[in-house]
Amino acid sequence: QVQLVESGGGLVQAGGSLTLSCAASGNIFRINSMGWYRQAPGKQRELVAGITRDGTTNYADSVKGRFTISRDNAKKTVYLQMNSLKPEDTAVYYCNADVTTWGMGGQYNYWGQGTQVTGSS
């Protein structure tokens, strides 16, 4: 089994910064793509940013230029640096990873439990 544990959420004033971390553990052979999603109340979960194993990134238009995704493969950790936060960034942020596990073959998708980010106006 694979676990993804997020940390770093909280309350921040508009214009402020916050960094989220997500550490993976368990029966991991290789972590492939990783990403951050968010879900605001009453809305669907949406992709915020993604990063491949070799570091290629993609971002939602709403966060381009403000958020930066990065990863440390040795630590099995993905980060989301959020700058210039806006009230509309308020949501539960979820870590996601495509993982090849030992012994099971193939690639499986995993989610973290989520961490709340609140941008106050």
C-alpha atoms as a PDB file:
ATOM      1  CA  GLN A   1       0.000   0.000   0.000  1.00  0.00           C
ATOM      2  CA  VAL A   2       1.027   3.612  -0.614  1.00  0.00           C
ATOM      3  CA  GLN A   3       0.304   6.619   1.582  1.00  0.00           C
ATOM      4  CA  LEU A   4       0.427  10.306   0.642  1.00  0.00           C
ATOM      5  CA  VAL A   5       0.521  12.732   3.545  1.00  0.00           C
ATOM      6  CA  GLU A   6       0.063  16.465   2.952  1.00  0.00           C
ATOM      7  CA  SER A   7       1.173  19.227   5.280  1.00  0.00           C
ATOM      8  CA  GLY A   8       1.525  22.985   5.266  1.00  0.00           C
ATOM      9  CA  GLY A   9      -2.038  24.171   4.865  1.00  0.00           C
ATOM     10  CA  GLY A  10      -3.488  27.012   6.881  1.00  0.00           C
ATOM     11  CA  LEU A  11      -4.939  30.501   6.929  1.00  0.00           C
ATOM     12  CA  VAL A  12      -3.105  33.276   5.137  1.00  0.00           C
ATOM     13  CA  GLN A  13      -3.986  36.845   4.246  1.00  0.00           C
ATOM     14  CA  ALA A  14      -4.548  37.779   0.635  1.00  0.00           C
ATOM     15  CA  GLY A  15      -1.213  38.409  -1.016  1.00  0.00           C
ATOM     16  CA  GLY A  16       0.579  36.068   1.330  1.00  0.00           C
ATOM     17  CA  SER A  17       2.467  32.849   0.684  1.00  0.00           C
ATOM     18  CA  LEU A  18       2.181  29.248   1.757  1.00  0.00           C
ATOM     19  CA  THR A  19       4.058  26.073   0.901  1.00  0.00           C
ATOM     20  CA  LEU A  20       2.403  22.670   0.809  1.00  0.00           C
ATOM     21  CA  SER A  21       4.325  19.401   1.048  1.00  0.00           C
ATOM     22  CA  CYS A  22       3.265  15.870   0.258  1.00  0.00           C
ATOM     23  CA  ALA A  23       5.389  12.907   1.295  1.00  0.00           C
ATOM     24  CA  ALA A  24       4.844   9.461  -0.163  1.00  0.00           C
ATOM     25  CA  SER A  25       5.616   6.244   1.668  1.00  0.00           C
ATOM     26  CA  GLY A  26       4.927   2.536   1.435  1.00  0.00           C
ATOM     27  CA  ASN A  27       5.444  -0.123  -1.198  1.00  0.00           C
ATOM     28  CA  ILE A  28       6.962   2.215  -3.797  1.00  0.00           C
ATOM     29  CA  PHE A  29       9.152   1.119  -6.696  1.00  0.00           C
ATOM     30  CA  ARG A  30       8.900   4.417  -8.578  1.00  0.00           C
ATOM     31  CA  ILE A  31       6.792   7.554  -8.380  1.00  0.00           C
ATOM     32  CA  ASN A  32       5.856   8.766 -11.837  1.00  0.00           C
ATOM     33  CA  SER A  33       3.716  11.896 -12.256  1.00  0.00           C
ATOM     34  CA  MET A  34       2.663  13.868  -9.186  1.00  0.00           C
ATOM     35  CA  GLY A  35       0.236  16.697  -8.826  1.00  0.00           C
ATOM     36  CA  TRP A  36      -1.848  18.982  -6.691  1.00  0.00           C
ATOM     37  CA  TYR A  37      -5.611  19.312  -7.029  1.00  0.00           C
ATOM     38  CA  ARG A  38      -8.056  21.460  -5.118  1.00  0.00           C
ATOM     39  CA  GLN A  39     -11.726  21.417  -4.337  1.00  0.00           C
ATOM     40  CA  ALA A  40     -13.650  24.442  -3.134  1.00  0.00           C
ATOM     41  CA  PRO A  41     -17.078  24.116  -1.470  1.00  0.00           C
ATOM     42  CA  GLY A  42     -19.734  23.348  -4.033  1.00  0.00           C
ATOM     43  CA  LYS A  43     -17.226  22.942  -6.850  1.00  0.00           C
ATOM     44  CA  GLN A  44     -15.591  20.046  -8.627  1.00  0.00           C
ATOM     45  CA  ARG A  45     -12.046  18.991  -7.876  1.00  0.00           C
ATOM     46  CA  GLU A  46      -9.642  20.644 -10.328  1.00  0.00           C
ATOM     47  CA  LEU A  47      -6.013  20.242 -11.277  1.00  0.00           C
ATOM     48  CA  VAL A  48      -3.794  22.998  -9.891  1.00  0.00           C
ATOM     49  CA  ALA A  49      -0.359  21.819 -11.030  1.00  0.00           C
ATOM     50  CA  GLY A  50       1.362  18.663 -12.194  1.00  0.00           C
ATOM     51  CA  ILE A  51       4.956  17.509 -12.531  1.00  0.00           C
ATOM     52  CA  THR A  52       6.465  14.525 -14.287  1.00  0.00           C
ATOM     53  CA  ARG A  53       9.323  12.476 -12.909  1.00  0.00           C
ATOM     54  CA  ASP A  54      11.812  14.399 -15.049  1.00  0.00           C
ATOM     55  CA  GLY A  55      10.463  17.746 -13.874  1.00  0.00           C
ATOM     56  CA  THR A  56       8.160  18.842 -16.668  1.00  0.00           C
ATOM     57  CA  THR A  57       5.403  20.983 -15.167  1.00  0.00           C
ATOM     58  CA  ASN A  58       1.943  22.196 -16.086  1.00  0.00           C
ATOM     59  CA  TYR A  59      -0.367  24.641 -14.325  1.00  0.00           C
ATOM     60  CA  ALA A  60      -3.973  25.724 -14.303  1.00  0.00           C
ATOM     61  CA  ASP A  61      -4.329  29.134 -15.937  1.00  0.00           C
ATOM     62  CA  SER A  62      -5.656  30.578 -12.670  1.00  0.00           C
ATOM     63  CA  VAL A  63      -2.377  29.923 -10.823  1.00  0.00           C
ATOM     64  CA  LYS A  64       0.246  30.465 -13.528  1.00  0.00           C
ATOM     65  CA  GLY A  65       2.895  32.891 -12.379  1.00  0.00           C
ATOM     66  CA  ARG A  66       1.836  32.577  -8.727  1.00  0.00           C
ATOM     67  CA  PHE A  67       2.243  28.886  -7.854  1.00  0.00           C
ATOM     68  CA  THR A  68       5.294  26.660  -8.370  1.00  0.00           C
ATOM     69  CA  ILE A  69       5.318  22.892  -8.184  1.00  0.00           C
ATOM     70  CA  SER A  70       8.525  20.982  -7.518  1.00  0.00           C
ATOM     71  CA  ARG A  71       9.587  17.547  -6.330  1.00  0.00           C
ATOM     72  CA  ASP A  72      12.425  15.759  -4.611  1.00  0.00           C
ATOM     73  CA  ASN A  73      12.568  12.204  -5.948  1.00  0.00           C
ATOM     74  CA  ALA A  74      15.001  11.039  -3.264  1.00  0.00           C
ATOM     75  CA  LYS A  75      12.609  12.197  -0.538  1.00  0.00           C
ATOM     76  CA  LYS A  76       9.526  11.031  -2.455  1.00  0.00           C
ATOM     77  CA  THR A  77       8.047  14.467  -1.834  1.00  0.00           C
ATOM     78  CA  VAL A  78       6.213  17.020  -3.960  1.00  0.00           C
ATOM     79  CA  TYR A  79       5.834  20.685  -3.029  1.00  0.00           C
ATOM     80  CA  LEU A  80       3.538  23.513  -3.996  1.00  0.00           C
ATOM     81  CA  GLN A  81       4.819  27.012  -3.376  1.00  0.00           C
ATOM     82  CA  MET A  82       1.858  29.389  -3.421  1.00  0.00           C
ATOM     83  CA  ASN A  83       2.499  33.122  -3.683  1.00  0.00           C
ATOM     84  CA  SER A  84       0.147  36.080  -4.020  1.00  0.00           C
ATOM     85  CA  LEU A  85      -2.689  34.040  -2.585  1.00  0.00           C
ATOM     86  CA  LYS A  86      -6.219  35.182  -3.318  1.00  0.00           C
ATOM     87  CA  PRO A  87      -9.484  34.467  -1.490  1.00  0.00           C
ATOM     88  CA  GLU A  88     -10.545  32.397  -4.507  1.00  0.00           C
ATOM     89  CA  ASP A  89      -7.619  30.039  -3.861  1.00  0.00           C
ATOM     90  CA  THR A  90      -9.471  28.857  -0.752  1.00  0.00           C
ATOM     91  CA  ALA A  91     -10.029  25.119  -1.030  1.00  0.00           C
ATOM     92  CA  VAL A  92      -8.966  21.728   0.225  1.00  0.00           C
ATOM     93  CA  TYR A  93      -5.752  20.840  -1.590  1.00  0.00           C
ATOM     94  CA  TYR A  94      -5.079  17.208  -2.457  1.00  0.00           C
ATOM     95  CA  CYS A  95      -1.852  15.520  -3.454  1.00  0.00           C
ATOM     96  CA  ASN A  96      -2.002  12.923  -6.210  1.00  0.00           C
ATOM     97  CA  ALA A  97       0.580  10.479  -7.512  1.00  0.00           C
ATOM     98  CA  ASP A  98       0.936   7.748 -10.094  1.00  0.00           C
ATOM     99  CA  VAL A  99       3.010   5.027  -8.483  1.00  0.00           C
ATOM    100  CA  THR A 100       4.586   1.810  -9.673  1.00  0.00           C
ATOM    101  CA  THR A 101       4.653  -0.521  -6.691  1.00  0.00           C
ATOM    102  CA  TRP A 102       6.838  -3.496  -5.909  1.00  0.00           C
ATOM    103  CA  GLY A 103       5.383  -6.836  -6.881  1.00  0.00           C
ATOM    104  CA  MET A 104       2.017  -5.662  -8.187  1.00  0.00           C
ATOM    105  CA  GLY A 105       2.984  -4.615 -11.714  1.00  0.00           C
ATOM    106  CA  GLY A 106       1.499  -1.649 -13.509  1.00  0.00           C
ATOM    107  CA  GLN A 107       0.851   1.864 -12.251  1.00  0.00           C
ATOM    108  CA  TYR A 108      -1.690   2.889  -9.638  1.00  0.00           C
ATOM    109  CA  ASN A 109      -3.105   6.279  -8.707  1.00  0.00           C
ATOM    110  CA  TYR A 110      -3.186   7.481  -5.111  1.00  0.00           C
ATOM    111  CA  TRP A 111      -4.644  10.474  -3.262  1.00  0.00           C
ATOM    112  CA  GLY A 112      -3.711  12.187  -0.043  1.00  0.00           C
ATOM    113  CA  GLN A 113      -6.253  13.092   2.620  1.00  0.00           C
ATOM    114  CA  GLY A 114      -6.248  16.797   1.776  1.00  0.00           C
ATOM    115  CA  THR A 115      -5.174  19.960   3.563  1.00  0.00           C
ATOM    116  CA  GLN A 116      -7.201  23.143   3.953  1.00  0.00           C
ATOM    117  CA  VAL A 117      -5.890  26.395   2.501  1.00  0.00           C
ATOM    118  CA  THR A 118      -7.810  29.570   3.304  1.00  0.00           C
ATOM    119  CA  GLY A 119      -6.977  32.915   1.786  1.00  0.00           C
ATOM    120  CA  SER A 120      -8.597  35.708   3.767  1.00  0.00           C
ATOM    121  CA  SER A 121      -9.552  39.024   2.203  1.00  0.00           C
END
